[in-house]
């Protein structure tokens, strides 16, 4: 099994995510015809996956610099 992609973590990466440890999508750089092909996969242990999800959701929920006409990053 693959190790967790968080720095200095050698636990098994039991969760697979398209989000990097910083919480962003990272393009593969290849021609892609689907979301699955377009973005890199990362592996996380249970603890770091939970930490990543909490960080991402907290960032999404913050109302800083957002108004009613805020465009979602996936709309571009």
PDB file of N, CA and C in Angstrom:
ATOM      1  N   UNK A   1       0.843  -1.181   0.000  1.00  0.00           N
ATOM      2  CA  UNK A   1       0.000   0.000   0.000  1.00  0.00           C
ATOM      3  C   UNK A   1       0.892   1.251   0.000  1.00  0.00           C
ATOM      4  N   UNK A   2       0.398   2.322  -0.572  1.00  0.00           N
ATOM      5  CA  UNK A   2       1.130   3.568  -0.717  1.00  0.00           C
ATOM      6  C   UNK A   2       1.117   4.348   0.599  1.00  0.00           C
ATOM      7  N   UNK A   3       2.207   5.092   0.845  1.00  0.00           N
ATOM      8  CA  UNK A   3       2.285   5.917   2.054  1.00  0.00           C
ATOM      9  C   UNK A   3       1.481   7.199   1.903  1.00  0.00           C
ATOM     10  N   UNK A   4       1.114   7.767   3.022  1.00  0.00           N
ATOM     11  CA  UNK A   4       0.401   9.041   3.077  1.00  0.00           C
ATOM     12  C   UNK A   4       1.250  10.130   2.422  1.00  0.00           C
ATOM     13  N   UNK A   5       0.614  11.009   1.645  1.00  0.00           N
ATOM     14  CA  UNK A   5       1.330  12.079   0.943  1.00  0.00           C
ATOM     15  C   UNK A   5       1.633  13.298   1.812  1.00  0.00           C
ATOM     16  N   UNK A   6       1.176  13.313   3.068  1.00  0.00           N
ATOM     17  CA  UNK A   6       1.533  14.419   3.957  1.00  0.00           C
ATOM     18  C   UNK A   6       3.009  14.297   4.303  1.00  0.00           C
ATOM     19  N   UNK A   7       3.661  15.445   4.384  1.00  0.00           N
ATOM     20  CA  UNK A   7       5.087  15.481   4.684  1.00  0.00           C
ATOM     21  C   UNK A   7       5.367  14.836   6.035  1.00  0.00           C
ATOM     22  N   UNK A   8       6.396  14.016   6.083  1.00  0.00           N
ATOM     23  CA  UNK A   8       6.853  13.343   7.307  1.00  0.00           C
ATOM     24  C   UNK A   8       5.848  12.356   7.884  1.00  0.00           C
ATOM     25  N   UNK A   9       4.927  11.846   7.067  1.00  0.00           N
ATOM     26  CA  UNK A   9       3.991  10.820   7.530  1.00  0.00           C
ATOM     27  C   UNK A   9       4.289   9.537   6.773  1.00  0.00           C
ATOM     28  N   UNK A  10       4.534   8.471   7.495  1.00  0.00           N
ATOM     29  CA  UNK A  10       4.846   7.195   6.857  1.00  0.00           C
ATOM     30  C   UNK A  10       3.720   6.173   7.030  1.00  0.00           C
ATOM     31  N   UNK A  11       2.544   6.640   7.495  1.00  0.00           N
ATOM     32  CA  UNK A  11       1.391   5.744   7.627  1.00  0.00           C
ATOM     33  C   UNK A  11       0.875   5.348   6.247  1.00  0.00           C
ATOM     34  N   UNK A  12       0.095   4.290   6.199  1.00  0.00           N
ATOM     35  CA  UNK A  12      -0.487   3.842   4.937  1.00  0.00           C
ATOM     36  C   UNK A  12      -1.539   4.832   4.453  1.00  0.00           C
ATOM     37  N   UNK A  13      -1.505   5.121   3.162  1.00  0.00           N
ATOM     38  CA  UNK A  13      -2.477   6.023   2.557  1.00  0.00           C
ATOM     39  C   UNK A  13      -3.733   5.270   2.179  1.00  0.00           C
ATOM     40  N   UNK A  14      -4.670   5.183   3.087  1.00  0.00           N
ATOM     41  CA  UNK A  14      -5.889   4.403   2.877  1.00  0.00           C
ATOM     42  C   UNK A  14      -6.983   5.191   2.160  1.00  0.00           C
ATOM     43  N   UNK A  15      -6.884   6.522   2.160  1.00  0.00           N
ATOM     44  CA  UNK A  15      -7.870   7.382   1.489  1.00  0.00           C
ATOM     45  C   UNK A  15      -7.237   7.982   0.241  1.00  0.00           C
ATOM     46  N   UNK A  16      -7.989   8.011  -0.853  1.00  0.00           N
ATOM     47  CA  UNK A  16      -7.517   8.602  -2.097  1.00  0.00           C
ATOM     48  C   UNK A  16      -8.322   9.873  -2.349  1.00  0.00           C
ATOM     49  N   UNK A  17      -7.610  10.947  -2.709  1.00  0.00           N
ATOM     50  CA  UNK A  17      -8.254  12.230  -2.932  1.00  0.00           C
ATOM     51  C   UNK A  17      -7.599  12.929  -4.113  1.00  0.00           C
ATOM     52  N   UNK A  18      -8.334  13.832  -4.751  1.00  0.00           N
ATOM     53  CA  UNK A  18      -7.765  14.675  -5.809  1.00  0.00           C
ATOM     54  C   UNK A  18      -7.210  15.965  -5.230  1.00  0.00           C
ATOM     55  N   UNK A  19      -7.379  16.181  -3.932  1.00  0.00           N
ATOM     56  CA  UNK A  19      -6.871  17.388  -3.285  1.00  0.00           C
ATOM     57  C   UNK A  19      -5.450  17.166  -2.782  1.00  0.00           C
ATOM     58  N   UNK A  20      -4.580  18.140  -3.050  1.00  0.00           N
ATOM     59  CA  UNK A  20      -3.204  18.079  -2.575  1.00  0.00           C
ATOM     60  C   UNK A  20      -3.180  18.327  -1.066  1.00  0.00           C
ATOM     61  N   UNK A  21      -2.047  18.092  -0.406  1.00  0.00           N
ATOM     62  CA  UNK A  21      -1.954  18.380   1.028  1.00  0.00           C
ATOM     63  C   UNK A  21      -2.255  19.849   1.363  1.00  0.00           C
ATOM     64  N   UNK A  22      -2.116  20.746   0.384  1.00  0.00           N
ATOM     65  CA  UNK A  22      -2.448  22.153   0.591  1.00  0.00           C
ATOM     66  C   UNK A  22      -3.925  22.428   0.336  1.00  0.00           C
ATOM     67  N   UNK A  23      -4.662  21.434  -0.151  1.00  0.00           N
ATOM     68  CA  UNK A  23      -6.101  21.578  -0.358  1.00  0.00           C
ATOM     69  C   UNK A  23      -6.500  22.059  -1.736  1.00  0.00           C
ATOM     70  N   UNK A  24      -5.653  21.844  -2.736  1.00  0.00           N
ATOM     71  CA  UNK A  24      -5.947  22.304  -4.090  1.00  0.00           C
ATOM     72  C   UNK A  24      -5.890  21.151  -5.085  1.00  0.00           C
ATOM     73  N   UNK A  25      -6.584  21.320  -6.210  1.00  0.00           N
ATOM     74  CA  UNK A  25      -6.478  20.366  -7.305  1.00  0.00           C
ATOM     75  C   UNK A  25      -5.174  20.620  -8.046  1.00  0.00           C
ATOM     76  N   UNK A  26      -4.478  19.546  -8.431  1.00  0.00           N
ATOM     77  CA  UNK A  26      -3.217  19.668  -9.149  1.00  0.00           C
ATOM     78  C   UNK A  26      -3.374  18.944 -10.483  1.00  0.00           C
ATOM     79  N   UNK A  27      -3.209  19.686 -11.568  1.00  0.00           N
ATOM     80  CA  UNK A  27      -3.380  19.109 -12.903  1.00  0.00           C
ATOM     81  C   UNK A  27      -2.275  18.095 -13.203  1.00  0.00           C
ATOM     82  N   UNK A  28      -2.625  17.073 -13.983  1.00  0.00           N
ATOM     83  CA  UNK A  28      -1.647  16.073 -14.383  1.00  0.00           C
ATOM     84  C   UNK A  28      -0.765  16.590 -15.510  1.00  0.00           C
ATOM     85  N   UNK A  29      -1.267  17.556 -16.268  1.00  0.00           N
ATOM     86  CA  UNK A  29      -0.508  18.081 -17.398  1.00  0.00           C
ATOM     87  C   UNK A  29      -0.736  17.295 -18.680  1.00  0.00           C
ATOM     88  N   UNK A  30      -1.550  16.259 -18.592  1.00  0.00           N
ATOM     89  CA  UNK A  30      -1.859  15.435 -19.762  1.00  0.00           C
ATOM     90  C   UNK A  30      -3.169  15.900 -20.383  1.00  0.00           C
ATOM     91  N   UNK A  31      -3.338  15.579 -21.668  1.00  0.00           N
ATOM     92  CA  UNK A  31      -4.648  15.820 -22.268  1.00  0.00           C
ATOM     93  C   UNK A  31      -5.637  14.922 -21.548  1.00  0.00           C
ATOM     94  N   UNK A  32      -6.728  15.496 -21.132  1.00  0.00           N
ATOM     95  CA  UNK A  32      -7.675  14.719 -20.339  1.00  0.00           C
ATOM     96  C   UNK A  32      -9.086  14.941 -20.854  1.00  0.00           C
ATOM     97  N   UNK A  33      -9.846  13.879 -20.821  1.00  0.00           N
ATOM     98  CA  UNK A  33     -11.232  13.937 -21.258  1.00  0.00           C
ATOM     99  C   UNK A  33     -12.193  13.756 -20.101  1.00  0.00           C
ATOM    100  N   UNK A  34     -11.648  13.634 -18.887  1.00  0.00           N
ATOM    101  CA  UNK A  34     -12.498  13.492 -17.714  1.00  0.00           C
ATOM    102  C   UNK A  34     -11.797  14.106 -16.509  1.00  0.00           C
ATOM    103  N   UNK A  35     -12.566  14.379 -15.482  1.00  0.00           N
ATOM    104  CA  UNK A  35     -12.039  14.909 -14.229  1.00  0.00           C
ATOM    105  C   UNK A  35     -10.994  13.957 -13.653  1.00  0.00           C
ATOM    106  N   UNK A  36     -11.262  12.673 -13.724  1.00  0.00           N
ATOM    107  CA  UNK A  36     -10.362  11.667 -13.157  1.00  0.00           C
ATOM    108  C   UNK A  36      -8.998  11.691 -13.820  1.00  0.00           C
ATOM    109  N   UNK A  37      -8.963  11.941 -15.122  1.00  0.00           N
ATOM    110  CA  UNK A  37      -7.699  11.975 -15.852  1.00  0.00           C
ATOM    111  C   UNK A  37      -6.991  13.317 -15.714  1.00  0.00           C
ATOM    112  N   UNK A  38      -7.741  14.374 -15.439  1.00  0.00           N
ATOM    113  CA  UNK A  38      -7.186  15.725 -15.449  1.00  0.00           C
ATOM    114  C   UNK A  38      -6.392  16.079 -14.192  1.00  0.00           C
ATOM    115  N   UNK A  39      -6.717  15.440 -13.070  1.00  0.00           N
ATOM    116  CA  UNK A  39      -6.091  15.835 -11.813  1.00  0.00           C
ATOM    117  C   UNK A  39      -5.376  14.685 -11.137  1.00  0.00           C
ATOM    118  N   UNK A  40      -4.268  15.025 -10.489  1.00  0.00           N
ATOM    119  CA  UNK A  40      -3.440  14.060  -9.790  1.00  0.00           C
ATOM    120  C   UNK A  40      -4.156  13.450  -8.589  1.00  0.00           C
ATOM    121  N   UNK A  41      -3.812  12.228  -8.258  1.00  0.00           N
ATOM    122  CA  UNK A  41      -4.365  11.549  -7.084  1.00  0.00           C
ATOM    123  C   UNK A  41      -3.366  11.612  -5.937  1.00  0.00           C
ATOM    124  N   UNK A  42      -3.880  11.772  -4.735  1.00  0.00           N
ATOM    125  CA  UNK A  42      -3.056  11.785  -3.533  1.00  0.00           C
ATOM    126  C   UNK A  42      -3.599  10.743  -2.566  1.00  0.00           C
ATOM    127  N   UNK A  43      -2.728  10.190  -1.749  1.00  0.00           N
ATOM    128  CA  UNK A  43      -3.104   9.179  -0.758  1.00  0.00           C
ATOM    129  C   UNK A  43      -2.902   9.750   0.634  1.00  0.00           C
ATOM    130  N   UNK A  44      -3.864   9.475   1.527  1.00  0.00           N
ATOM    131  CA  UNK A  44      -3.802   9.989   2.891  1.00  0.00           C
ATOM    132  C   UNK A  44      -4.176   8.915   3.895  1.00  0.00           C
ATOM    133  N   UNK A  45      -3.552   9.005   5.069  1.00  0.00           N
ATOM    134  CA  UNK A  45      -3.980   8.176   6.185  1.00  0.00           C
ATOM    135  C   UNK A  45      -5.287   8.793   6.705  1.00  0.00           C
ATOM    136  N   UNK A  46      -6.009   8.078   7.526  1.00  0.00           N
ATOM    137  CA  UNK A  46      -7.300   8.575   8.028  1.00  0.00           C
ATOM    138  C   UNK A  46      -7.164   9.909   8.752  1.00  0.00           C
ATOM    139  N   UNK A  47      -6.136  10.044   9.575  1.00  0.00           N
ATOM    140  CA  UNK A  47      -5.952  11.270  10.360  1.00  0.00           C
ATOM    141  C   UNK A  47      -5.713  12.486   9.459  1.00  0.00           C
ATOM    142  N   UNK A  48      -4.814  12.350   8.490  1.00  0.00           N
ATOM    143  CA  UNK A  48      -4.508  13.493   7.629  1.00  0.00           C
ATOM    144  C   UNK A  48      -5.631  13.791   6.634  1.00  0.00           C
ATOM    145  N   UNK A  49      -6.388  12.781   6.237  1.00  0.00           N
ATOM    146  CA  UNK A  49      -7.532  13.029   5.359  1.00  0.00           C
ATOM    147  C   UNK A  49      -8.583  13.844   6.113  1.00  0.00           C
ATOM    148  N   UNK A  50      -8.844  13.507   7.344  1.00  0.00           N
ATOM    149  CA  UNK A  50      -9.803  14.264   8.162  1.00  0.00           C
ATOM    150  C   UNK A  50      -9.323  15.694   8.370  1.00  0.00           C
ATOM    151  N   UNK A  51      -8.042  15.856   8.623  1.00  0.00           N
ATOM    152  CA  UNK A  51      -7.462  17.186   8.805  1.00  0.00           C
ATOM    153  C   UNK A  51      -7.585  18.006   7.521  1.00  0.00           C
ATOM    154  N   UNK A  52      -7.295  17.392   6.373  1.00  0.00           N
ATOM    155  CA  UNK A  52      -7.405  18.070   5.083  1.00  0.00           C
ATOM    156  C   UNK A  52      -8.839  18.516   4.819  1.00  0.00           C
ATOM    157  N   UNK A  53      -9.801  17.631   5.042  1.00  0.00           N
ATOM    158  CA  UNK A  53     -11.203  17.966   4.790  1.00  0.00           C
ATOM    159  C   UNK A  53     -11.674  19.107   5.705  1.00  0.00           C
ATOM    160  N   UNK A  54     -11.252  19.089   6.958  1.00  0.00           N
ATOM    161  CA  UNK A  54     -11.629  20.167   7.881  1.00  0.00           C
ATOM    162  C   UNK A  54     -11.047  21.494   7.409  1.00  0.00           C
ATOM    163  N   UNK A  55      -9.804  21.484   6.974  1.00  0.00           N
ATOM    164  CA  UNK A  55      -9.150  22.707   6.496  1.00  0.00           C
ATOM    165  C   UNK A  55      -9.842  23.256   5.256  1.00  0.00           C
ATOM    166  N   UNK A  56     -10.149  22.382   4.307  1.00  0.00           N
ATOM    167  CA  UNK A  56     -10.800  22.811   3.066  1.00  0.00           C
ATOM    168  C   UNK A  56     -12.191  23.354   3.356  1.00  0.00           C
ATOM    169  N   UNK A  57     -12.985  22.650   4.153  1.00  0.00           N
ATOM    170  CA  UNK A  57     -14.342  23.119   4.450  1.00  0.00           C
ATOM    171  C   UNK A  57     -14.336  24.429   5.218  1.00  0.00           C
ATOM    172  N   UNK A  58     -13.386  24.604   6.115  1.00  0.00           N
ATOM    173  CA  UNK A  58     -13.286  25.877   6.843  1.00  0.00           C
ATOM    174  C   UNK A  58     -12.955  27.019   5.887  1.00  0.00           C
ATOM    175  N   UNK A  59     -12.081  26.756   4.920  1.00  0.00           N
ATOM    176  CA  UNK A  59     -11.721  27.780   3.941  1.00  0.00           C
ATOM    177  C   UNK A  59     -12.911  28.117   3.052  1.00  0.00           C
ATOM    178  N   UNK A  60     -13.691  27.129   2.651  1.00  0.00           N
ATOM    179  CA  UNK A  60     -14.851  27.345   1.794  1.00  0.00           C
ATOM    180  C   UNK A  60     -15.939  28.110   2.532  1.00  0.00           C
ATOM    181  N   UNK A  61     -16.128  27.839   3.796  1.00  0.00           N
ATOM    182  CA  UNK A  61     -17.193  28.460   4.582  1.00  0.00           C
ATOM    183  C   UNK A  61     -16.926  29.909   4.946  1.00  0.00           C
ATOM    184  N   UNK A  62     -15.665  30.328   4.957  1.00  0.00           N
ATOM    185  CA  UNK A  62     -15.355  31.705   5.337  1.00  0.00           C
ATOM    186  C   UNK A  62     -15.991  32.671   4.346  1.00  0.00           C
ATOM    187  N   UNK A  63     -16.566  33.736   4.855  1.00  0.00           N
ATOM    188  CA  UNK A  63     -17.257  34.691   3.997  1.00  0.00           C
ATOM    189  C   UNK A  63     -16.345  35.824   3.524  1.00  0.00           C
ATOM    190  N   UNK A  64     -15.069  35.783   3.867  1.00  0.00           N
ATOM    191  CA  UNK A  64     -14.133  36.824   3.451  1.00  0.00           C
ATOM    192  C   UNK A  64     -14.068  36.915   1.931  1.00  0.00           C
ATOM    193  N   UNK A  65     -14.148  38.127   1.422  1.00  0.00           N
ATOM    194  CA  UNK A  65     -14.014  38.412  -0.015  1.00  0.00           C
ATOM    195  C   UNK A  65     -15.028  37.681  -0.882  1.00  0.00           C
ATOM    196  N   UNK A  66     -16.174  37.359  -0.346  1.00  0.00           N
ATOM    197  CA  UNK A  66     -17.211  36.702  -1.135  1.00  0.00           C
ATOM    198  C   UNK A  66     -18.466  37.564  -1.086  1.00  0.00           C
ATOM    199  N   UNK A  67     -19.152  37.619  -2.206  1.00  0.00           N
ATOM    200  CA  UNK A  67     -20.451  38.275  -2.240  1.00  0.00           C
ATOM    201  C   UNK A  67     -21.373  37.421  -3.086  1.00  0.00           C
ATOM    202  N   UNK A  68     -22.557  37.890  -3.377  1.00  0.00           N
ATOM    203  CA  UNK A  68     -23.549  37.077  -4.087  1.00  0.00           C
ATOM    204  C   UNK A  68     -23.137  36.680  -5.498  1.00  0.00           C
ATOM    205  N   UNK A  69     -22.251  37.445  -6.132  1.00  0.00           N
ATOM    206  CA  UNK A  69     -21.872  37.103  -7.502  1.00  0.00           C
ATOM    207  C   UNK A  69     -20.515  36.395  -7.556  1.00  0.00           C
ATOM    208  N   UNK A  70     -20.129  35.776  -6.453  1.00  0.00           N
ATOM    209  CA  UNK A  70     -18.888  35.029  -6.413  1.00  0.00           C
ATOM    210  C   UNK A  70     -18.949  33.813  -7.346  1.00  0.00           C
ATOM    211  N   UNK A  71     -17.962  33.660  -8.215  1.00  0.00           N
ATOM    212  CA  UNK A  71     -17.944  32.557  -9.172  1.00  0.00           C
ATOM    213  C   UNK A  71     -17.174  31.385  -8.587  1.00  0.00           C
ATOM    214  N   UNK A  72     -17.758  30.210  -8.688  1.00  0.00           N
ATOM    215  CA  UNK A  72     -17.083  29.006  -8.202  1.00  0.00           C
ATOM    216  C   UNK A  72     -15.872  28.713  -9.085  1.00  0.00           C
ATOM    217  N   UNK A  73     -14.776  28.206  -8.497  1.00  0.00           N
ATOM    218  CA  UNK A  73     -13.567  27.928  -9.291  1.00  0.00           C
ATOM    219  C   UNK A  73     -13.820  26.900 -10.399  1.00  0.00           C
ATOM    220  N   UNK A  74     -14.801  26.052 -10.231  1.00  0.00           N
ATOM    221  CA  UNK A  74     -15.081  25.036 -11.252  1.00  0.00           C
ATOM    222  C   UNK A  74     -15.862  25.602 -12.428  1.00  0.00           C
ATOM    223  N   UNK A  75     -16.338  26.832 -12.320  1.00  0.00           N
ATOM    224  CA  UNK A  75     -17.117  27.440 -13.396  1.00  0.00           C
ATOM    225  C   UNK A  75     -16.240  27.964 -14.522  1.00  0.00           C
ATOM    226  N   UNK A  76     -14.953  28.054 -14.266  1.00  0.00           N
ATOM    227  CA  UNK A  76     -14.033  28.632 -15.250  1.00  0.00           C
ATOM    228  C   UNK A  76     -13.487  27.560 -16.172  1.00  0.00           C
TER     229      UNK A  76
END
